[in-house]
Amino acid sequence: MSTAPTIVPVEPAPPVVRADPYRSVAREVLCVLAEEDRPMSLRELQGTGRLSVEDAALQLSVARVAGFVRSVPAAVSATEPSYRPTPLGMAIARRSRAGAAARELRRLPLAA
């Protein structure tokens, strides 16, 4: 008497949905570059006062790896590269600024 092995159907695991880590790290530097609307060097980004020295370096590095910014010829200093957001970086900055504005509006009290 032989018994056939029982085949148990296995359901596939649900897909893992996570935020893009590159986008969340580089969001702030992308917003600064988009608002300035000109190529900026790392030194200029750090000098705006909106990013700390360490944050600017980390965020710019991540943005470069992810393809959110590209280096462009520097107009002022030939020794230091300047960076400009790519079209994808601009889209992330626009969405981030729109989200921040919407969050700010939700915090405002309603006028009677």
PDB file of N, CA and C in Angstrom:
ATOM      1  N   MET A   1       0.832  -1.147   0.000  1.00  0.00           N
ATOM      2  CA  MET A   1       0.000   0.000   0.000  1.00  0.00           C
ATOM      3  C   MET A   1       0.900   1.240   0.000  1.00  0.00           C
ATOM      4  N   SER A   2       0.813   2.015  -1.051  1.00  0.00           N
ATOM      5  CA  SER A   2       1.639   3.220  -1.112  1.00  0.00           C
ATOM      6  C   SER A   2       0.758   4.456  -0.997  1.00  0.00           C
ATOM      7  N   THR A   3       1.273   5.391  -0.297  1.00  0.00           N
ATOM      8  CA  THR A   3       0.519   6.627  -0.150  1.00  0.00           C
ATOM      9  C   THR A   3       1.263   7.735  -0.886  1.00  0.00           C
ATOM     10  N   ALA A   4       0.521   8.503  -1.622  1.00  0.00           N
ATOM     11  CA  ALA A   4       1.112   9.616  -2.369  1.00  0.00           C
ATOM     12  C   ALA A   4       1.341  10.784  -1.413  1.00  0.00           C
ATOM     13  N   PRO A   5       2.430  11.510  -1.617  1.00  0.00           N
ATOM     14  CA  PRO A   5       2.673  12.662  -0.735  1.00  0.00           C
ATOM     15  C   PRO A   5       1.588  13.719  -0.934  1.00  0.00           C
ATOM     16  N   THR A   6       1.222  14.341   0.143  1.00  0.00           N
ATOM     17  CA  THR A   6       0.210  15.377   0.089  1.00  0.00           C
ATOM     18  C   THR A   6       0.863  16.705  -0.269  1.00  0.00           C
ATOM     19  N   ILE A   7       0.295  17.365  -1.245  1.00  0.00           N
ATOM     20  CA  ILE A   7       0.818  18.669  -1.660  1.00  0.00           C
ATOM     21  C   ILE A   7      -0.048  19.744  -1.020  1.00  0.00           C
ATOM     22  N   VAL A   8       0.603  20.551  -0.238  1.00  0.00           N
ATOM     23  CA  VAL A   8      -0.087  21.631   0.452  1.00  0.00           C
ATOM     24  C   VAL A   8       0.186  22.928  -0.315  1.00  0.00           C
ATOM     25  N   PRO A   9      -0.863  23.621  -0.754  1.00  0.00           N
ATOM     26  CA  PRO A   9      -0.615  24.874  -1.486  1.00  0.00           C
ATOM     27  C   PRO A   9      -0.019  25.938  -0.556  1.00  0.00           C
ATOM     28  N   VAL A  10       0.945  26.645  -1.071  1.00  0.00           N
ATOM     29  CA  VAL A  10       1.608  27.690  -0.298  1.00  0.00           C
ATOM     30  C   VAL A  10       1.241  29.041  -0.910  1.00  0.00           C
ATOM     31  N   GLU A  11       0.731  29.913  -0.074  1.00  0.00           N
ATOM     32  CA  GLU A  11       0.381  31.244  -0.558  1.00  0.00           C
ATOM     33  C   GLU A  11       1.637  32.104  -0.598  1.00  0.00           C
ATOM     34  N   PRO A  12       1.759  32.918  -1.643  1.00  0.00           N
ATOM     35  CA  PRO A  12       2.942  33.791  -1.699  1.00  0.00           C
ATOM     36  C   PRO A  12       2.889  34.844  -0.594  1.00  0.00           C
ATOM     37  N   ALA A  13       4.042  35.211  -0.143  1.00  0.00           N
ATOM     38  CA  ALA A  13       4.130  36.239   0.903  1.00  0.00           C
ATOM     39  C   ALA A  13       3.705  37.579   0.320  1.00  0.00           C
ATOM     40  N   PRO A  14       3.064  38.405   1.120  1.00  0.00           N
ATOM     41  CA  PRO A  14       2.660  39.720   0.606  1.00  0.00           C
ATOM     42  C   PRO A  14       3.895  40.567   0.304  1.00  0.00           C
ATOM     43  N   PRO A  15       3.810  41.445  -0.680  1.00  0.00           N
ATOM     44  CA  PRO A  15       4.973  42.284  -0.998  1.00  0.00           C
ATOM     45  C   PRO A  15       5.278  43.239   0.147  1.00  0.00           C
ATOM     46  N   VAL A  16       6.534  43.533   0.299  1.00  0.00           N
ATOM     47  CA  VAL A  16       6.969  44.449   1.342  1.00  0.00           C
ATOM     48  C   VAL A  16       6.876  45.863   0.781  1.00  0.00           C
ATOM     49  N   VAL A  17       6.127  46.691   1.458  1.00  0.00           N
ATOM     50  CA  VAL A  17       5.963  48.071   1.020  1.00  0.00           C
ATOM     51  C   VAL A  17       6.675  48.968   2.021  1.00  0.00           C
ATOM     52  N   ARG A  18       7.719  49.617   1.552  1.00  0.00           N
ATOM     53  CA  ARG A  18       8.499  50.504   2.417  1.00  0.00           C
ATOM     54  C   ARG A  18       8.738  51.817   1.681  1.00  0.00           C
ATOM     55  N   ALA A  19       8.979  52.842   2.439  1.00  0.00           N
ATOM     56  CA  ALA A  19       9.345  54.120   1.841  1.00  0.00           C
ATOM     57  C   ALA A  19      10.737  54.001   1.234  1.00  0.00           C
ATOM     58  N   ASP A  20      10.968  54.761   0.201  1.00  0.00           N
ATOM     59  CA  ASP A  20      12.267  54.765  -0.446  1.00  0.00           C
ATOM     60  C   ASP A  20      13.282  55.415   0.497  1.00  0.00           C
ATOM     61  N   PRO A  21      14.287  54.685   0.966  1.00  0.00           N
ATOM     62  CA  PRO A  21      15.221  55.271   1.930  1.00  0.00           C
ATOM     63  C   PRO A  21      16.034  56.414   1.335  1.00  0.00           C
ATOM     64  N   TYR A  22      16.342  56.343   0.048  1.00  0.00           N
ATOM     65  CA  TYR A  22      17.110  57.415  -0.574  1.00  0.00           C
ATOM     66  C   TYR A  22      16.311  58.715  -0.560  1.00  0.00           C
ATOM     67  N   ARG A  23      15.054  58.610  -0.919  1.00  0.00           N
ATOM     68  CA  ARG A  23      14.205  59.790  -0.995  1.00  0.00           C
ATOM     69  C   ARG A  23      14.051  60.445   0.372  1.00  0.00           C
ATOM     70  N   SER A  24      13.835  59.647   1.403  1.00  0.00           N
ATOM     71  CA  SER A  24      13.616  60.222   2.726  1.00  0.00           C
ATOM     72  C   SER A  24      14.877  60.887   3.271  1.00  0.00           C
ATOM     73  N   VAL A  25      16.043  60.365   2.927  1.00  0.00           N
ATOM     74  CA  VAL A  25      17.287  60.967   3.414  1.00  0.00           C
ATOM     75  C   VAL A  25      17.627  62.233   2.634  1.00  0.00           C
ATOM     76  N   ALA A  26      17.412  62.235   1.330  1.00  0.00           N
ATOM     77  CA  ALA A  26      17.852  63.342   0.474  1.00  0.00           C
ATOM     78  C   ALA A  26      16.797  64.427   0.293  1.00  0.00           C
ATOM     79  N   ARG A  27      15.638  64.273   0.871  1.00  0.00           N
ATOM     80  CA  ARG A  27      14.523  65.200   0.627  1.00  0.00           C
ATOM     81  C   ARG A  27      14.872  66.655   0.950  1.00  0.00           C
ATOM     82  N   GLU A  28      15.510  66.889   2.067  1.00  0.00           N
ATOM     83  CA  GLU A  28      15.792  68.262   2.506  1.00  0.00           C
ATOM     84  C   GLU A  28      16.763  68.972   1.565  1.00  0.00           C
ATOM     85  N   VAL A  29      17.830  68.310   1.171  1.00  0.00           N
ATOM     86  CA  VAL A  29      18.798  68.936   0.275  1.00  0.00           C
ATOM     87  C   VAL A  29      18.168  69.184  -1.090  1.00  0.00           C
ATOM     88  N   LEU A  30      17.273  68.311  -1.526  1.00  0.00           N
ATOM     89  CA  LEU A  30      16.585  68.521  -2.796  1.00  0.00           C
ATOM     90  C   LEU A  30      15.700  69.758  -2.735  1.00  0.00           C
ATOM     91  N   CYS A  31      15.029  69.966  -1.621  1.00  0.00           N
ATOM     92  CA  CYS A  31      14.183  71.158  -1.458  1.00  0.00           C
ATOM     93  C   CYS A  31      15.021  72.434  -1.483  1.00  0.00           C
ATOM     94  N   VAL A  32      16.185  72.419  -0.837  1.00  0.00           N
ATOM     95  CA  VAL A  32      17.057  73.596  -0.835  1.00  0.00           C
ATOM     96  C   VAL A  32      17.534  73.893  -2.246  1.00  0.00           C
ATOM     97  N   LEU A  33      17.983  72.881  -2.969  1.00  0.00           N
ATOM     98  CA  LEU A  33      18.460  73.089  -4.336  1.00  0.00           C
ATOM     99  C   LEU A  33      17.338  73.586  -5.250  1.00  0.00           C
ATOM    100  N   ALA A  34      16.147  73.029  -5.081  1.00  0.00           N
ATOM    101  CA  ALA A  34      15.019  73.434  -5.928  1.00  0.00           C
ATOM    102  C   ALA A  34      14.601  74.870  -5.636  1.00  0.00           C
ATOM    103  N   GLU A  35      14.600  75.269  -4.366  1.00  0.00           N
ATOM    104  CA  GLU A  35      14.200  76.626  -4.016  1.00  0.00           C
ATOM    105  C   GLU A  35      15.224  77.659  -4.466  1.00  0.00           C
ATOM    106  N   GLU A  36      16.497  77.319  -4.408  1.00  0.00           N
ATOM    107  CA  GLU A  36      17.535  78.251  -4.855  1.00  0.00           C
ATOM    108  C   GLU A  36      17.529  78.391  -6.373  1.00  0.00           C
ATOM    109  N   ASP A  37      17.119  77.343  -7.075  1.00  0.00           N
ATOM    110  CA  ASP A  37      17.010  77.332  -8.535  1.00  0.00           C
ATOM    111  C   ASP A  37      18.312  77.713  -9.234  1.00  0.00           C
ATOM    112  N   ARG A  38      19.404  77.221  -8.694  1.00  0.00           N
ATOM    113  CA  ARG A  38      20.718  77.419  -9.299  1.00  0.00           C
ATOM    114  C   ARG A  38      21.627  76.309  -8.803  1.00  0.00           C
ATOM    115  N   PRO A  39      22.670  75.997  -9.556  1.00  0.00           N
ATOM    116  CA  PRO A  39      23.619  74.989  -9.063  1.00  0.00           C
ATOM    117  C   PRO A  39      24.313  75.496  -7.806  1.00  0.00           C
ATOM    118  N   MET A  40      24.499  74.580  -6.856  1.00  0.00           N
ATOM    119  CA  MET A  40      25.153  74.938  -5.596  1.00  0.00           C
ATOM    120  C   MET A  40      26.205  73.897  -5.252  1.00  0.00           C
ATOM    121  N   SER A  41      27.301  74.369  -4.664  1.00  0.00           N
ATOM    122  CA  SER A  41      28.342  73.457  -4.188  1.00  0.00           C
ATOM    123  C   SER A  41      27.989  73.003  -2.777  1.00  0.00           C
ATOM    124  N   LEU A  42      28.703  72.008  -2.301  1.00  0.00           N
ATOM    125  CA  LEU A  42      28.493  71.532  -0.935  1.00  0.00           C
ATOM    126  C   LEU A  42      28.728  72.657   0.070  1.00  0.00           C
ATOM    127  N   ARG A  43      29.752  73.448  -0.160  1.00  0.00           N
ATOM    128  CA  ARG A  43      30.055  74.570   0.740  1.00  0.00           C
ATOM    129  C   ARG A  43      28.893  75.571   0.777  1.00  0.00           C
ATOM    130  N   GLU A  44      28.290  75.840  -0.376  1.00  0.00           N
ATOM    131  CA  GLU A  44      27.144  76.757  -0.420  1.00  0.00           C
ATOM    132  C   GLU A  44      25.928  76.162   0.289  1.00  0.00           C
ATOM    133  N   LEU A  45      25.722  74.862   0.114  1.00  0.00           N
ATOM    134  CA  LEU A  45      24.606  74.204   0.796  1.00  0.00           C
ATOM    135  C   LEU A  45      24.766  74.280   2.306  1.00  0.00           C
ATOM    136  N   GLN A  46      25.994  74.085   2.767  1.00  0.00           N
ATOM    137  CA  GLN A  46      26.255  74.156   4.200  1.00  0.00           C
ATOM    138  C   GLN A  46      26.139  75.587   4.710  1.00  0.00           C
ATOM    139  N   GLY A  47      26.415  76.571   3.862  1.00  0.00           N
ATOM    140  CA  GLY A  47      26.375  77.969   4.256  1.00  0.00           C
ATOM    141  C   GLY A  47      24.984  78.574   4.283  1.00  0.00           C
ATOM    142  N   THR A  48      23.974  77.863   3.787  1.00  0.00           N
ATOM    143  CA  THR A  48      22.621  78.427   3.789  1.00  0.00           C
ATOM    144  C   THR A  48      22.041  78.496   5.186  1.00  0.00           C
ATOM    145  N   GLY A  49      22.553  77.684   6.089  1.00  0.00           N
ATOM    146  CA  GLY A  49      22.015  77.651   7.450  1.00  0.00           C
ATOM    147  C   GLY A  49      20.806  76.743   7.583  1.00  0.00           C
ATOM    148  N   ARG A  50      20.318  76.214   6.483  1.00  0.00           N
ATOM    149  CA  ARG A  50      19.148  75.333   6.534  1.00  0.00           C
ATOM    150  C   ARG A  50      19.541  73.882   6.772  1.00  0.00           C
ATOM    151  N   LEU A  51      20.789  73.551   6.495  1.00  0.00           N
ATOM    152  CA  LEU A  51      21.295  72.193   6.703  1.00  0.00           C
ATOM    153  C   LEU A  51      22.558  72.268   7.552  1.00  0.00           C
ATOM    154  N   SER A  52      22.721  71.315   8.448  1.00  0.00           N
ATOM    155  CA  SER A  52      23.970  71.269   9.203  1.00  0.00           C
ATOM    156  C   SER A  52      25.077  70.752   8.280  1.00  0.00           C
ATOM    157  N   VAL A  53      26.302  70.934   8.703  1.00  0.00           N
ATOM    158  CA  VAL A  53      27.447  70.518   7.886  1.00  0.00           C
ATOM    159  C   VAL A  53      27.383  69.027   7.581  1.00  0.00           C
ATOM    160  N   GLU A  54      27.119  68.212   8.607  1.00  0.00           N
ATOM    161  CA  GLU A  54      27.073  66.759   8.418  1.00  0.00           C
ATOM    162  C   GLU A  54      25.870  66.352   7.576  1.00  0.00           C
ATOM    163  N   ASP A  55      24.715  66.969   7.837  1.00  0.00           N
ATOM    164  CA  ASP A  55      23.511  66.614   7.085  1.00  0.00           C
ATOM    165  C   ASP A  55      23.654  66.940   5.608  1.00  0.00           C
ATOM    166  N   ALA A  56      24.226  68.082   5.303  1.00  0.00           N
ATOM    167  CA  ALA A  56      24.381  68.478   3.904  1.00  0.00           C
ATOM    168  C   ALA A  56      25.269  67.478   3.165  1.00  0.00           C
ATOM    169  N   ALA A  57      26.366  67.084   3.773  1.00  0.00           N
ATOM    170  CA  ALA A  57      27.285  66.142   3.135  1.00  0.00           C
ATOM    171  C   ALA A  57      26.620  64.776   2.932  1.00  0.00           C
ATOM    172  N   LEU A  58      25.940  64.270   3.959  1.00  0.00           N
ATOM    173  CA  LEU A  58      25.280  62.969   3.857  1.00  0.00           C
ATOM    174  C   LEU A  58      24.161  63.001   2.822  1.00  0.00           C
ATOM    175  N   GLN A  59      23.312  64.015   2.901  1.00  0.00           N
ATOM    176  CA  GLN A  59      22.178  64.086   1.989  1.00  0.00           C
ATOM    177  C   GLN A  59      22.623  64.253   0.548  1.00  0.00           C
ATOM    178  N   LEU A  60      23.647  65.070   0.317  1.00  0.00           N
ATOM    179  CA  LEU A  60      24.147  65.249  -1.044  1.00  0.00           C
ATOM    180  C   LEU A  60      24.757  63.962  -1.569  1.00  0.00           C
ATOM    181  N   SER A  61      25.465  63.249  -0.723  1.00  0.00           N
ATOM    182  CA  SER A  61      26.056  61.975  -1.120  1.00  0.00           C
ATOM    183  C   SER A  61      24.977  60.964  -1.505  1.00  0.00           C
ATOM    184  N   VAL A  62      23.942  60.863  -0.692  1.00  0.00           N
ATOM    185  CA  VAL A  62      22.845  59.935  -0.982  1.00  0.00           C
ATOM    186  C   VAL A  62      22.112  60.353  -2.248  1.00  0.00           C
ATOM    187  N   ALA A  63      21.883  61.657  -2.407  1.00  0.00           N
ATOM    188  CA  ALA A  63      21.189  62.153  -3.596  1.00  0.00           C
ATOM    189  C   ALA A  63      21.985  61.856  -4.869  1.00  0.00           C
ATOM    190  N   ARG A  64      23.296  61.927  -4.783  1.00  0.00           N
ATOM    191  CA  ARG A  64      24.131  61.611  -5.951  1.00  0.00           C
ATOM    192  C   ARG A  64      24.037  60.130  -6.295  1.00  0.00           C
ATOM    193  N   VAL A  65      24.136  59.272  -5.292  1.00  0.00           N
ATOM    194  CA  VAL A  65      24.063  57.822  -5.525  1.00  0.00           C
ATOM    195  C   VAL A  65      22.713  57.438  -6.109  1.00  0.00           C
ATOM    196  N   ALA A  66      21.644  58.054  -5.606  1.00  0.00           N
ATOM    197  CA  ALA A  66      20.292  57.720  -6.056  1.00  0.00           C
ATOM    198  C   ALA A  66      19.952  58.344  -7.405  1.00  0.00           C
ATOM    199  N   GLY A  67      20.773  59.262  -7.885  1.00  0.00           N
ATOM    200  CA  GLY A  67      20.497  59.900  -9.160  1.00  0.00           C
ATOM    201  C   GLY A  67      19.525  61.063  -9.067  1.00  0.00           C
ATOM    202  N   PHE A  68      19.380  61.643  -7.874  1.00  0.00           N
ATOM    203  CA  PHE A  68      18.476  62.771  -7.680  1.00  0.00           C
ATOM    204  C   PHE A  68      19.136  64.099  -8.025  1.00  0.00           C
ATOM    205  N   VAL A  69      20.481  64.145  -8.015  1.00  0.00           N
ATOM    206  CA  VAL A  69      21.219  65.348  -8.400  1.00  0.00           C
ATOM    207  C   VAL A  69      22.331  64.944  -9.355  1.00  0.00           C
ATOM    208  N   ARG A  70      22.801  65.921 -10.115  1.00  0.00           N
ATOM    209  CA  ARG A  70      23.951  65.689 -10.996  1.00  0.00           C
ATOM    210  C   ARG A  70      24.888  66.875 -10.853  1.00  0.00           C
ATOM    211  N   SER A  71      26.163  66.634 -11.094  1.00  0.00           N
ATOM    212  CA  SER A  71      27.119  67.738 -11.014  1.00  0.00           C
ATOM    213  C   SER A  71      27.099  68.493 -12.337  1.00  0.00           C
ATOM    214  N   VAL A  72      27.261  69.790 -12.239  1.00  0.00           N
ATOM    215  CA  VAL A  72      27.287  70.663 -13.411  1.00  0.00           C
ATOM    216  C   VAL A  72      28.535  71.530 -13.313  1.00  0.00           C
ATOM    217  N   PRO A  73      28.999  72.075 -14.420  1.00  0.00           N
ATOM    218  CA  PRO A  73      30.187  72.941 -14.346  1.00  0.00           C
ATOM    219  C   PRO A  73      29.944  74.119 -13.419  1.00  0.00           C
ATOM    220  N   ALA A  74      30.913  74.383 -12.580  1.00  0.00           N
ATOM    221  CA  ALA A  74      30.794  75.478 -11.608  1.00  0.00           C
ATOM    222  C   ALA A  74      31.119  76.800 -12.289  1.00  0.00           C
ATOM    223  N   ALA A  75      30.283  77.787 -12.048  1.00  0.00           N
ATOM    224  CA  ALA A  75      30.508  79.101 -12.634  1.00  0.00           C
ATOM    225  C   ALA A  75      31.529  79.900 -11.824  1.00  0.00           C
ATOM    226  N   VAL A  76      31.511  79.725 -10.520  1.00  0.00           N
ATOM    227  CA  VAL A  76      32.360  80.538  -9.646  1.00  0.00           C
ATOM    228  C   VAL A  76      33.699  79.858  -9.365  1.00  0.00           C
ATOM    229  N   SER A  77      33.650  78.640  -8.902  1.00  0.00           N
ATOM    230  CA  SER A  77      34.863  77.936  -8.473  1.00  0.00           C
ATOM    231  C   SER A  77      35.058  76.691  -9.323  1.00  0.00           C
ATOM    232  N   ALA A  78      36.194  76.591  -9.959  1.00  0.00           N
ATOM    233  CA  ALA A  78      36.476  75.422 -10.785  1.00  0.00           C
ATOM    234  C   ALA A  78      36.974  74.244  -9.953  1.00  0.00           C
ATOM    235  N   THR A  79      37.294  74.474  -8.670  1.00  0.00           N
ATOM    236  CA  THR A  79      37.834  73.402  -7.848  1.00  0.00           C
ATOM    237  C   THR A  79      36.747  72.595  -7.147  1.00  0.00           C
ATOM    238  N   GLU A  80      35.563  73.141  -7.042  1.00  0.00           N
ATOM    239  CA  GLU A  80      34.497  72.479  -6.293  1.00  0.00           C
ATOM    240  C   GLU A  80      33.297  72.262  -7.216  1.00  0.00           C
ATOM    241  N   PRO A  81      32.795  71.023  -7.311  1.00  0.00           N
ATOM    242  CA  PRO A  81      31.647  70.792  -8.197  1.00  0.00           C
ATOM    243  C   PRO A  81      30.369  71.410  -7.640  1.00  0.00           C
ATOM    244  N   SER A  82      29.491  71.792  -8.534  1.00  0.00           N
ATOM    245  CA  SER A  82      28.176  72.288  -8.153  1.00  0.00           C
ATOM    246  C   SER A  82      27.145  71.248  -8.554  1.00  0.00           C
ATOM    247  N   TYR A  83      26.027  71.243  -7.870  1.00  0.00           N
ATOM    248  CA  TYR A  83      25.015  70.221  -8.086  1.00  0.00           C
ATOM    249  C   TYR A  83      23.675  70.852  -8.395  1.00  0.00           C
ATOM    250  N   ARG A  84      22.927  70.190  -9.260  1.00  0.00           N
ATOM    251  CA  ARG A  84      21.588  70.625  -9.650  1.00  0.00           C
ATOM    252  C   ARG A  84      20.698  69.384  -9.621  1.00  0.00           C
ATOM    253  N   PRO A  85      19.448  69.524  -9.179  1.00  0.00           N
ATOM    254  CA  PRO A  85      18.548  68.360  -9.162  1.00  0.00           C
ATOM    255  C   PRO A  85      18.235  67.853 -10.568  1.00  0.00           C
ATOM    256  N   THR A  86      18.126  66.564 -10.702  1.00  0.00           N
ATOM    257  CA  THR A  86      17.657  65.963 -11.950  1.00  0.00           C
ATOM    258  C   THR A  86      16.134  66.142 -11.998  1.00  0.00           C
ATOM    259  N   PRO A  87      15.490  65.830 -13.110  1.00  0.00           N
ATOM    260  CA  PRO A  87      14.023  65.929 -13.149  1.00  0.00           C
ATOM    261  C   PRO A  87      13.348  65.109 -12.034  1.00  0.00           C
ATOM    262  N   LEU A  88      13.881  63.935 -11.737  1.00  0.00           N
ATOM    263  CA  LEU A  88      13.325  63.136 -10.644  1.00  0.00           C
ATOM    264  C   LEU A  88      13.518  63.846  -9.304  1.00  0.00           C
ATOM    265  N   GLY A  89      14.681  64.441  -9.088  1.00  0.00           N
ATOM    266  CA  GLY A  89      14.933  65.189  -7.862  1.00  0.00           C
ATOM    267  C   GLY A  89      14.004  66.381  -7.721  1.00  0.00           C
ATOM    268  N   MET A  90      13.728  67.060  -8.835  1.00  0.00           N
ATOM    269  CA  MET A  90      12.791  68.197  -8.799  1.00  0.00           C
ATOM    270  C   MET A  90      11.386  67.728  -8.447  1.00  0.00           C
ATOM    271  N   ALA A  91      10.979  66.582  -8.979  1.00  0.00           N
ATOM    272  CA  ALA A  91       9.644  66.046  -8.668  1.00  0.00           C
ATOM    273  C   ALA A  91       9.539  65.707  -7.183  1.00  0.00           C
ATOM    274  N   ILE A  92      10.577  65.131  -6.618  1.00  0.00           N
ATOM    275  CA  ILE A  92      10.580  64.801  -5.187  1.00  0.00           C
ATOM    276  C   ILE A  92      10.509  66.084  -4.365  1.00  0.00           C
ATOM    277  N   ALA A  93      11.264  67.103  -4.748  1.00  0.00           N
ATOM    278  CA  ALA A  93      11.255  68.370  -4.014  1.00  0.00           C
ATOM    279  C   ALA A  93       9.876  69.022  -4.084  1.00  0.00           C
ATOM    280  N   ARG A  94       9.258  69.031  -5.265  1.00  0.00           N
ATOM    281  CA  ARG A  94       7.925  69.627  -5.395  1.00  0.00           C
ATOM    282  C   ARG A  94       6.920  68.900  -4.521  1.00  0.00           C
ATOM    283  N   ARG A  95       6.973  67.578  -4.566  1.00  0.00           N
ATOM    284  CA  ARG A  95       6.039  66.781  -3.759  1.00  0.00           C
ATOM    285  C   ARG A  95       6.286  66.993  -2.270  1.00  0.00           C
ATOM    286  N   SER A  96       7.545  67.098  -1.876  1.00  0.00           N
ATOM    287  CA  SER A  96       7.883  67.310  -0.464  1.00  0.00           C
ATOM    288  C   SER A  96       7.398  68.668   0.016  1.00  0.00           C
ATOM    289  N   ARG A  97       7.598  69.693  -0.817  1.00  0.00           N
ATOM    290  CA  ARG A  97       7.148  71.035  -0.430  1.00  0.00           C
ATOM    291  C   ARG A  97       5.631  71.103  -0.384  1.00  0.00           C
ATOM    292  N   ALA A  98       4.956  70.443  -1.319  1.00  0.00           N
ATOM    293  CA  ALA A  98       3.491  70.432  -1.319  1.00  0.00           C
ATOM    294  C   ALA A  98       2.969  69.707  -0.087  1.00  0.00           C
ATOM    295  N   GLY A  99       3.605  68.607   0.273  1.00  0.00           N
ATOM    296  CA  GLY A  99       3.204  67.866   1.467  1.00  0.00           C
ATOM    297  C   GLY A  99       3.422  68.673   2.729  1.00  0.00           C
ATOM    298  N   ALA A 100       4.548  69.393   2.790  1.00  0.00           N
ATOM    299  CA  ALA A 100       4.827  70.222   3.963  1.00  0.00           C
ATOM    300  C   ALA A 100       3.810  71.356   4.072  1.00  0.00           C
ATOM    301  N   ALA A 101       3.445  71.951   2.941  1.00  0.00           N
ATOM    302  CA  ALA A 101       2.453  73.028   2.953  1.00  0.00           C
ATOM    303  C   ALA A 101       1.089  72.501   3.394  1.00  0.00           C
ATOM    304  N   ALA A 102       0.730  71.319   2.931  1.00  0.00           N
ATOM    305  CA  ALA A 102      -0.552  70.731   3.327  1.00  0.00           C
ATOM    306  C   ALA A 102      -0.566  70.414   4.820  1.00  0.00           C
ATOM    307  N   ARG A 103       0.538  69.894   5.350  1.00  0.00           N
ATOM    308  CA  ARG A 103       0.611  69.602   6.784  1.00  0.00           C
ATOM    309  C   ARG A 103       0.498  70.890   7.594  1.00  0.00           C
ATOM    310  N   GLU A 104       1.137  71.944   7.111  1.00  0.00           N
ATOM    311  CA  GLU A 104       1.067  73.234   7.804  1.00  0.00           C
ATOM    312  C   GLU A 104      -0.361  73.781   7.792  1.00  0.00           C
ATOM    313  N   LEU A 105      -1.060  73.650   6.683  1.00  0.00           N
ATOM    314  CA  LEU A 105      -2.452  74.112   6.603  1.00  0.00           C
ATOM    315  C   LEU A 105      -3.357  73.330   7.553  1.00  0.00           C
ATOM    316  N   ARG A 106      -3.098  72.054   7.701  1.00  0.00           N
ATOM    317  CA  ARG A 106      -3.925  71.245   8.614  1.00  0.00           C
ATOM    318  C   ARG A 106      -3.723  71.664  10.066  1.00  0.00           C
ATOM    319  N   ARG A 107      -2.541  72.201  10.380  1.00  0.00           N
ATOM    320  CA  ARG A 107      -2.267  72.628  11.755  1.00  0.00           C
ATOM    321  C   ARG A 107      -2.895  73.969  12.094  1.00  0.00           C
ATOM    322  N   LEU A 108      -3.208  74.777  11.081  1.00  0.00           N
ATOM    323  CA  LEU A 108      -3.796  76.087  11.335  1.00  0.00           C
ATOM    324  C   LEU A 108      -5.215  75.957  11.848  1.00  0.00           C
ATOM    325  N   PRO A 109      -5.606  76.826  12.790  1.00  0.00           N
ATOM    326  CA  PRO A 109      -7.005  76.758  13.281  1.00  0.00           C
ATOM    327  C   PRO A 109      -7.957  77.255  12.194  1.00  0.00           C
ATOM    328  N   LEU A 110      -9.136  76.690  12.185  1.00  0.00           N
ATOM    329  CA  LEU A 110     -10.151  77.091  11.221  1.00  0.00           C
ATOM    330  C   LEU A 110     -10.714  78.457  11.604  1.00  0.00           C
ATOM    331  N   ALA A 111     -10.887  79.307  10.609  1.00  0.00           N
ATOM    332  CA  ALA A 111     -11.460  80.638  10.854  1.00  0.00           C
ATOM    333  C   ALA A 111     -12.951  80.501  11.039  1.00  0.00           C
ATOM    334  N   ALA A 112     -13.481  81.198  12.017  1.00  0.00           N
ATOM    335  CA  ALA A 112     -14.929  81.097  12.303  1.00  0.00           C
ATOM    336  C   ALA A 112     -15.734  82.041  11.457  1.00  0.00           C
TER     337      ALA A 112
END
